[in-house]
PDB file of all heavy atoms in Angstrom:
ATOM      1  N   ALA A   1       0.818  -1.217   0.000  1.00  0.00           N
ATOM      2  CA  ALA A   1       0.000   0.000   0.000  1.00  0.00           C
ATOM      3  C   ALA A   1       0.848   1.262   0.000  1.00  0.00           C
ATOM      4  O   ALA A   1       0.342   2.349  -0.292  1.00  0.00           O
ATOM      5  CB  ALA A   1      -0.938   0.004   1.205  1.00  0.00           C
ATOM      6  N   HIS A   2       2.134   1.138   0.332  1.00  0.00           N
ATOM      7  CA  HIS A   2       3.037   2.282   0.381  1.00  0.00           C
ATOM      8  C   HIS A   2       4.041   2.199  -0.767  1.00  0.00           C
ATOM      9  O   HIS A   2       4.536   1.122  -1.097  1.00  0.00           O
ATOM     10  CB  HIS A   2       3.778   2.318   1.724  1.00  0.00           C
ATOM     11  CG  HIS A   2       2.865   2.371   2.900  1.00  0.00           C
ATOM     12  ND1 HIS A   2       2.261   1.244   3.428  1.00  0.00           N
ATOM     13  CD2 HIS A   2       2.430   3.413   3.650  1.00  0.00           C
ATOM     14  CE1 HIS A   2       1.493   1.593   4.455  1.00  0.00           C
ATOM     15  NE2 HIS A   2       1.582   2.895   4.609  1.00  0.00           N
ATOM     16  N   HIS A   3       4.340   3.327  -1.358  1.00  0.00           N
ATOM     17  CA  HIS A   3       5.249   3.380  -2.509  1.00  0.00           C
ATOM     18  C   HIS A   3       6.607   2.777  -2.174  1.00  0.00           C
ATOM     19  O   HIS A   3       7.189   3.061  -1.130  1.00  0.00           O
ATOM     20  CB  HIS A   3       5.419   4.850  -2.935  1.00  0.00           C
ATOM     21  CG  HIS A   3       6.388   5.048  -4.054  1.00  0.00           C
ATOM     22  ND1 HIS A   3       7.407   5.982  -4.012  1.00  0.00           N
ATOM     23  CD2 HIS A   3       6.515   4.416  -5.251  1.00  0.00           C
ATOM     24  CE1 HIS A   3       8.091   5.931  -5.127  1.00  0.00           C
ATOM     25  NE2 HIS A   3       7.580   4.999  -5.898  1.00  0.00           N
ATOM     26  N   GLY A   4       7.122   1.971  -3.087  1.00  0.00           N
ATOM     27  CA  GLY A   4       8.435   1.352  -2.911  1.00  0.00           C
ATOM     28  C   GLY A   4       9.565   2.317  -3.230  1.00  0.00           C
ATOM     29  O   GLY A   4      10.375   2.094  -4.144  1.00  0.00           O
ATOM     30  N   ASP A   5       9.657   3.386  -2.447  1.00  0.00           N
ATOM     31  CA  ASP A   5      10.553   4.502  -2.765  1.00  0.00           C
ATOM     32  C   ASP A   5      12.030   4.132  -2.692  1.00  0.00           C
ATOM     33  O   ASP A   5      12.828   4.544  -3.544  1.00  0.00           O
ATOM     34  CB  ASP A   5      10.257   5.696  -1.856  1.00  0.00           C
ATOM     35  CG  ASP A   5      10.347   5.365  -0.366  1.00  0.00           C
ATOM     36  OD1 ASP A   5      10.272   4.168   0.008  1.00  0.00           O
ATOM     37  OD2 ASP A   5      10.471   6.313   0.433  1.00  0.00           O
ATOM     38  N   GLY A   6      12.420   3.359  -1.684  1.00  0.00           N
ATOM     39  CA  GLY A   6      13.831   3.045  -1.527  1.00  0.00           C
ATOM     40  C   GLY A   6      14.378   2.215  -2.673  1.00  0.00           C
ATOM     41  O   GLY A   6      15.527   2.398  -3.088  1.00  0.00           O
ATOM     42  N   VAL A   7      13.560   1.325  -3.199  1.00  0.00           N
ATOM     43  CA  VAL A   7      14.007   0.483  -4.307  1.00  0.00           C
ATOM     44  C   VAL A   7      14.038   1.290  -5.599  1.00  0.00           C
ATOM     45  O   VAL A   7      15.006   1.228  -6.372  1.00  0.00           O
ATOM     46  CB  VAL A   7      13.108  -0.760  -4.452  1.00  0.00           C
ATOM     47  CG1 VAL A   7      13.630  -1.667  -5.561  1.00  0.00           C
ATOM     48  CG2 VAL A   7      13.029  -1.524  -3.133  1.00  0.00           C
ATOM     49  N   GLU A   8      12.998   2.067  -5.835  1.00  0.00           N
ATOM     50  CA  GLU A   8      12.961   2.884  -7.046  1.00  0.00           C
ATOM     51  C   GLU A   8      14.177   3.807  -7.117  1.00  0.00           C
ATOM     52  O   GLU A   8      14.849   3.903  -8.157  1.00  0.00           O
ATOM     53  CB  GLU A   8      11.683   3.707  -7.085  1.00  0.00           C
ATOM     54  CG  GLU A   8      11.575   4.615  -8.303  1.00  0.00           C
ATOM     55  CD  GLU A   8      10.316   5.460  -8.296  1.00  0.00           C
ATOM     56  OE1 GLU A   8       9.210   4.873  -8.274  1.00  0.00           O
ATOM     57  OE2 GLU A   8      10.435   6.694  -8.303  1.00  0.00           O
ATOM     58  N   ASP A   9      14.479   4.483  -6.017  1.00  0.00           N
ATOM     59  CA  ASP A   9      15.588   5.426  -6.023  1.00  0.00           C
ATOM     60  C   ASP A   9      16.933   4.721  -6.182  1.00  0.00           C
ATOM     61  O   ASP A   9      17.867   5.262  -6.783  1.00  0.00           O
ATOM     62  CB  ASP A   9      15.595   6.251  -4.743  1.00  0.00           C
ATOM     63  CG  ASP A   9      14.446   7.253  -4.685  1.00  0.00           C
ATOM     64  OD1 ASP A   9      13.755   7.419  -5.710  1.00  0.00           O
ATOM     65  OD2 ASP A   9      14.235   7.855  -3.624  1.00  0.00           O
ATOM     66  N   ALA A  10      17.056   3.500  -5.660  1.00  0.00           N
ATOM     67  CA  ALA A  10      18.309   2.765  -5.771  1.00  0.00           C
ATOM     68  C   ALA A  10      18.640   2.416  -7.223  1.00  0.00           C
ATOM     69  O   ALA A  10      19.818   2.270  -7.574  1.00  0.00           O
ATOM     70  CB  ALA A  10      18.252   1.499  -4.924  1.00  0.00           C
ATOM     71  N   PHE A  11      17.608   2.290  -8.061  1.00  0.00           N
ATOM     72  CA  PHE A  11      17.833   1.888  -9.452  1.00  0.00           C
ATOM     73  C   PHE A  11      17.390   2.971 -10.428  1.00  0.00           C
ATOM     74  O   PHE A  11      17.012   2.683 -11.563  1.00  0.00           O
ATOM     75  CB  PHE A  11      17.123   0.561  -9.719  1.00  0.00           C
ATOM     76  CG  PHE A  11      17.702  -0.571  -8.914  1.00  0.00           C
ATOM     77  CD1 PHE A  11      17.084  -0.997  -7.745  1.00  0.00           C
ATOM     78  CD2 PHE A  11      18.889  -1.171  -9.292  1.00  0.00           C
ATOM     79  CE1 PHE A  11      17.630  -2.016  -6.984  1.00  0.00           C
ATOM     80  CE2 PHE A  11      19.440  -2.194  -8.534  1.00  0.00           C
ATOM     81  CZ  PHE A  11      18.815  -2.617  -7.379  1.00  0.00           C
ATOM     82  N   PHE A  12      17.465   4.212  -9.975  1.00  0.00           N
ATOM     83  CA  PHE A  12      17.109   5.341 -10.829  1.00  0.00           C
ATOM     84  C   PHE A  12      17.928   5.286 -12.123  1.00  0.00           C
ATOM     85  O   PHE A  12      19.153   5.189 -12.107  1.00  0.00           O
ATOM     86  CB  PHE A  12      17.393   6.650 -10.081  1.00  0.00           C
ATOM     87  CG  PHE A  12      16.853   7.868 -10.771  1.00  0.00           C
ATOM     88  CD1 PHE A  12      15.619   8.391 -10.422  1.00  0.00           C
ATOM     89  CD2 PHE A  12      17.574   8.495 -11.784  1.00  0.00           C
ATOM     90  CE1 PHE A  12      15.113   9.513 -11.068  1.00  0.00           C
ATOM     91  CE2 PHE A  12      17.076   9.614 -12.435  1.00  0.00           C
ATOM     92  CZ  PHE A  12      15.841  10.126 -12.078  1.00  0.00           C
ATOM     93  N   ASN A  13      17.225   5.309 -13.244  1.00  0.00           N
ATOM     94  CA  ASN A  13      17.862   5.364 -14.562  1.00  0.00           C
ATOM     95  C   ASN A  13      18.737   4.151 -14.849  1.00  0.00           C
ATOM     96  O   ASN A  13      19.685   4.220 -15.632  1.00  0.00           O
ATOM     97  CB  ASN A  13      18.702   6.651 -14.703  1.00  0.00           C
ATOM     98  CG  ASN A  13      18.919   7.031 -16.151  1.00  0.00           C
ATOM     99  OD1 ASN A  13      18.110   6.721 -17.020  1.00  0.00           O
ATOM    100  ND2 ASN A  13      20.020   7.710 -16.426  1.00  0.00           N
ATOM    101  N   ASP A  14      18.410   3.012 -14.213  1.00  0.00           N
ATOM    102  CA  ASP A  14      19.176   1.773 -14.415  1.00  0.00           C
ATOM    103  C   ASP A  14      18.477   0.935 -15.484  1.00  0.00           C
ATOM    104  O   ASP A  14      17.346   0.480 -15.288  1.00  0.00           O
ATOM    105  CB  ASP A  14      19.256   1.002 -13.088  1.00  0.00           C
ATOM    106  CG  ASP A  14      20.196  -0.190 -13.157  1.00  0.00           C
ATOM    107  OD1 ASP A  14      20.237  -0.865 -14.206  1.00  0.00           O
ATOM    108  OD2 ASP A  14      20.869  -0.461 -12.153  1.00  0.00           O
ATOM    109  N   GLU A  15      19.133   0.704 -16.586  1.00  0.00           N
ATOM    110  CA  GLU A  15      18.504   0.000 -17.699  1.00  0.00           C
ATOM    111  C   GLU A  15      18.308  -1.487 -17.423  1.00  0.00           C
ATOM    112  O   GLU A  15      17.594  -2.164 -18.160  1.00  0.00           O
ATOM    113  CB  GLU A  15      19.338   0.174 -18.964  1.00  0.00           C
ATOM    114  CG  GLU A  15      20.716  -0.435 -18.880  1.00  0.00           C
ATOM    115  CD  GLU A  15      21.552  -0.214 -20.129  1.00  0.00           C
ATOM    116  OE1 GLU A  15      21.131   0.583 -20.987  1.00  0.00           O
ATOM    117  OE2 GLU A  15      22.615  -0.856 -20.250  1.00  0.00           O
ATOM    118  N   ASN A  16      18.929  -2.001 -16.348  1.00  0.00           N
ATOM    119  CA  ASN A  16      18.830  -3.430 -16.045  1.00  0.00           C
ATOM    120  C   ASN A  16      17.705  -3.786 -15.082  1.00  0.00           C
ATOM    121  O   ASN A  16      17.313  -4.944 -14.999  1.00  0.00           O
ATOM    122  CB  ASN A  16      20.152  -3.927 -15.454  1.00  0.00           C
ATOM    123  CG  ASN A  16      21.297  -3.858 -16.437  1.00  0.00           C
ATOM    124  OD1 ASN A  16      21.173  -4.332 -17.563  1.00  0.00           O
ATOM    125  ND2 ASN A  16      22.398  -3.248 -16.030  1.00  0.00           N
ATOM    126  N   VAL A  17      17.235  -2.812 -14.293  1.00  0.00           N
ATOM    127  CA  VAL A  17      16.216  -3.069 -13.269  1.00  0.00           C
ATOM    128  C   VAL A  17      15.075  -2.084 -13.466  1.00  0.00           C
ATOM    129  O   VAL A  17      15.252  -0.866 -13.353  1.00  0.00           O
ATOM    130  CB  VAL A  17      16.796  -2.925 -11.846  1.00  0.00           C
ATOM    131  CG1 VAL A  17      15.706  -3.217 -10.806  1.00  0.00           C
ATOM    132  CG2 VAL A  17      17.985  -3.865 -11.651  1.00  0.00           C
ATOM    133  N   PHE A  18      13.895  -2.615 -13.762  1.00  0.00           N
ATOM    134  CA  PHE A  18      12.709  -1.794 -13.981  1.00  0.00           C
ATOM    135  C   PHE A  18      11.777  -1.981 -12.794  1.00  0.00           C
ATOM    136  O   PHE A  18      11.388  -3.111 -12.465  1.00  0.00           O
ATOM    137  CB  PHE A  18      12.009  -2.227 -15.267  1.00  0.00           C
ATOM    138  CG  PHE A  18      10.986  -1.234 -15.763  1.00  0.00           C
ATOM    139  CD1 PHE A  18      11.341  -0.208 -16.617  1.00  0.00           C
ATOM    140  CD2 PHE A  18       9.660  -1.338 -15.366  1.00  0.00           C
ATOM    141  CE1 PHE A  18      10.398   0.700 -17.087  1.00  0.00           C
ATOM    142  CE2 PHE A  18       8.711  -0.440 -15.813  1.00  0.00           C
ATOM    143  CZ  PHE A  18       9.080   0.594 -16.675  1.00  0.00           C
ATOM    144  N   THR A  19      11.412  -0.897 -12.111  1.00  0.00           N
ATOM    145  CA  THR A  19      10.562  -0.980 -10.928  1.00  0.00           C
ATOM    146  C   THR A  19       9.150  -0.517 -11.253  1.00  0.00           C
ATOM    147  O   THR A  19       8.953   0.476 -11.961  1.00  0.00           O
ATOM    148  CB  THR A  19      11.135  -0.160  -9.763  1.00  0.00           C
ATOM    149  OG1 THR A  19      11.097   1.232 -10.079  1.00  0.00           O
ATOM    150  CG2 THR A  19      12.570  -0.559  -9.449  1.00  0.00           C
ATOM    151  N   ILE A  20       8.187  -1.248 -10.708  1.00  0.00           N
ATOM    152  CA  ILE A  20       6.760  -0.923 -10.863  1.00  0.00           C
ATOM    153  C   ILE A  20       6.145  -0.944  -9.472  1.00  0.00           C
ATOM    154  O   ILE A  20       6.287  -1.929  -8.749  1.00  0.00           O
ATOM    155  CB  ILE A  20       6.033  -1.942 -11.763  1.00  0.00           C
ATOM    156  CG1 ILE A  20       6.729  -2.082 -13.124  1.00  0.00           C
ATOM    157  CG2 ILE A  20       4.575  -1.540 -11.941  1.00  0.00           C
ATOM    158  CD1 ILE A  20       6.202  -3.250 -13.950  1.00  0.00           C
ATOM    159  N   SER A  21       5.476   0.129  -9.097  1.00  0.00           N
ATOM    160  CA  SER A  21       4.868   0.205  -7.772  1.00  0.00           C
ATOM    161  C   SER A  21       3.402   0.587  -7.884  1.00  0.00           C
ATOM    162  O   SER A  21       3.055   1.596  -8.501  1.00  0.00           O
ATOM    163  CB  SER A  21       5.604   1.237  -6.905  1.00  0.00           C
ATOM    164  OG  SER A  21       5.027   1.330  -5.617  1.00  0.00           O
ATOM    165  N   VAL A  22       2.552  -0.243  -7.289  1.00  0.00           N
ATOM    166  CA  VAL A  22       1.119   0.043  -7.162  1.00  0.00           C
ATOM    167  C   VAL A  22       0.863   0.329  -5.694  1.00  0.00           C
ATOM    168  O   VAL A  22       1.124  -0.514  -4.840  1.00  0.00           O
ATOM    169  CB  VAL A  22       0.259  -1.149  -7.619  1.00  0.00           C
ATOM    170  CG1 VAL A  22      -1.223  -0.810  -7.530  1.00  0.00           C
ATOM    171  CG2 VAL A  22       0.626  -1.571  -9.035  1.00  0.00           C
ATOM    172  N   HIS A  23       0.372   1.516  -5.373  1.00  0.00           N
ATOM    173  CA  HIS A  23       0.275   1.945  -3.977  1.00  0.00           C
ATOM    174  C   HIS A  23      -0.854   2.948  -3.821  1.00  0.00           C
ATOM    175  O   HIS A  23      -1.349   3.501  -4.805  1.00  0.00           O
ATOM    176  CB  HIS A  23       1.606   2.567  -3.525  1.00  0.00           C
ATOM    177  CG  HIS A  23       2.127   3.594  -4.497  1.00  0.00           C
ATOM    178  ND1 HIS A  23       2.955   3.257  -5.540  1.00  0.00           N
ATOM    179  CD2 HIS A  23       1.910   4.922  -4.603  1.00  0.00           C
ATOM    180  CE1 HIS A  23       3.230   4.337  -6.259  1.00  0.00           C
ATOM    181  NE2 HIS A  23       2.613   5.366  -5.703  1.00  0.00           N
ATOM    182  N   GLU A  24      -1.241   3.186  -2.585  1.00  0.00           N
ATOM    183  CA  GLU A  24      -2.323   4.129  -2.322  1.00  0.00           C
ATOM    184  C   GLU A  24      -1.854   5.561  -2.538  1.00  0.00           C
ATOM    185  O   GLU A  24      -0.813   5.977  -1.996  1.00  0.00           O
ATOM    186  CB  GLU A  24      -2.847   3.958  -0.899  1.00  0.00           C
ATOM    187  CG  GLU A  24      -4.052   4.838  -0.605  1.00  0.00           C
ATOM    188  CD  GLU A  24      -4.593   4.668   0.804  1.00  0.00           C
ATOM    189  OE1 GLU A  24      -4.332   3.619   1.426  1.00  0.00           O
ATOM    190  OE2 GLU A  24      -5.274   5.600   1.276  1.00  0.00           O
ATOM    191  N   ALA A  25      -2.604   6.320  -3.306  1.00  0.00           N
ATOM    192  CA  ALA A  25      -2.278   7.721  -3.549  1.00  0.00           C
ATOM    193  C   ALA A  25      -2.417   8.528  -2.260  1.00  0.00           C
ATOM    194  O   ALA A  25      -3.310   8.286  -1.447  1.00  0.00           O
ATOM    195  CB  ALA A  25      -3.200   8.293  -4.623  1.00  0.00           C
ATOM    196  N   GLY A  26      -1.527   9.476  -2.066  1.00  0.00           N
ATOM    197  CA  GLY A  26      -1.618  10.375  -0.933  1.00  0.00           C
ATOM    198  C   GLY A  26      -1.229   9.781   0.394  1.00  0.00           C
ATOM    199  O   GLY A  26      -1.494  10.374   1.442  1.00  0.00           O
ATOM    200  N   ARG A  27      -0.594   8.640   0.393  1.00  0.00           N
ATOM    201  CA  ARG A  27      -0.170   7.987   1.636  1.00  0.00           C
ATOM    202  C   ARG A  27       1.352   8.060   1.752  1.00  0.00           C
ATOM    203  O   ARG A  27       2.060   8.120   0.772  1.00  0.00           O
ATOM    204  CB  ARG A  27      -0.656   6.523   1.652  1.00  0.00           C
ATOM    205  CG  ARG A  27      -0.317   5.783   2.960  1.00  0.00           C
ATOM    206  CD  ARG A  27      -1.181   4.567   3.171  1.00  0.00           C
ATOM    207  NE  ARG A  27      -2.582   4.908   3.337  1.00  0.00           N
ATOM    208  CZ  ARG A  27      -3.119   5.411   4.450  1.00  0.00           C
ATOM    209  NH1 ARG A  27      -2.369   5.647   5.503  1.00  0.00           N
ATOM    210  NH2 ARG A  27      -4.410   5.686   4.496  1.00  0.00           N
ATOM    211  N   TRP A  28       1.833   8.047   3.021  1.00  0.00           N
ATOM    212  CA  TRP A  28       3.272   8.067   3.246  1.00  0.00           C
ATOM    213  C   TRP A  28       3.946   6.996   2.391  1.00  0.00           C
ATOM    214  O   TRP A  28       3.376   5.916   2.247  1.00  0.00           O
ATOM    215  CB  TRP A  28       3.555   7.773   4.742  1.00  0.00           C
ATOM    216  CG  TRP A  28       4.986   8.002   5.129  1.00  0.00           C
ATOM    217  CD1 TRP A  28       5.524   9.128   5.641  1.00  0.00           C
ATOM    218  CD2 TRP A  28       6.057   7.068   4.977  1.00  0.00           C
ATOM    219  NE1 TRP A  28       6.879   8.958   5.822  1.00  0.00           N
ATOM    220  CE2 TRP A  28       7.233   7.691   5.422  1.00  0.00           C
ATOM    221  CE3 TRP A  28       6.150   5.765   4.503  1.00  0.00           C
ATOM    222  CZ2 TRP A  28       8.474   7.081   5.413  1.00  0.00           C
ATOM    223  CZ3 TRP A  28       7.379   5.139   4.482  1.00  0.00           C
ATOM    224  CH2 TRP A  28       8.527   5.795   4.941  1.00  0.00           C
TER     225      TRP A  28
END
């Protein structure tokens, strides 16, 4: 329910790892 922020940021602009997060809008 919470955005996977730490993983997304760890692989920012990384062509080998694509992150997809489904989470509740407006939540921490």
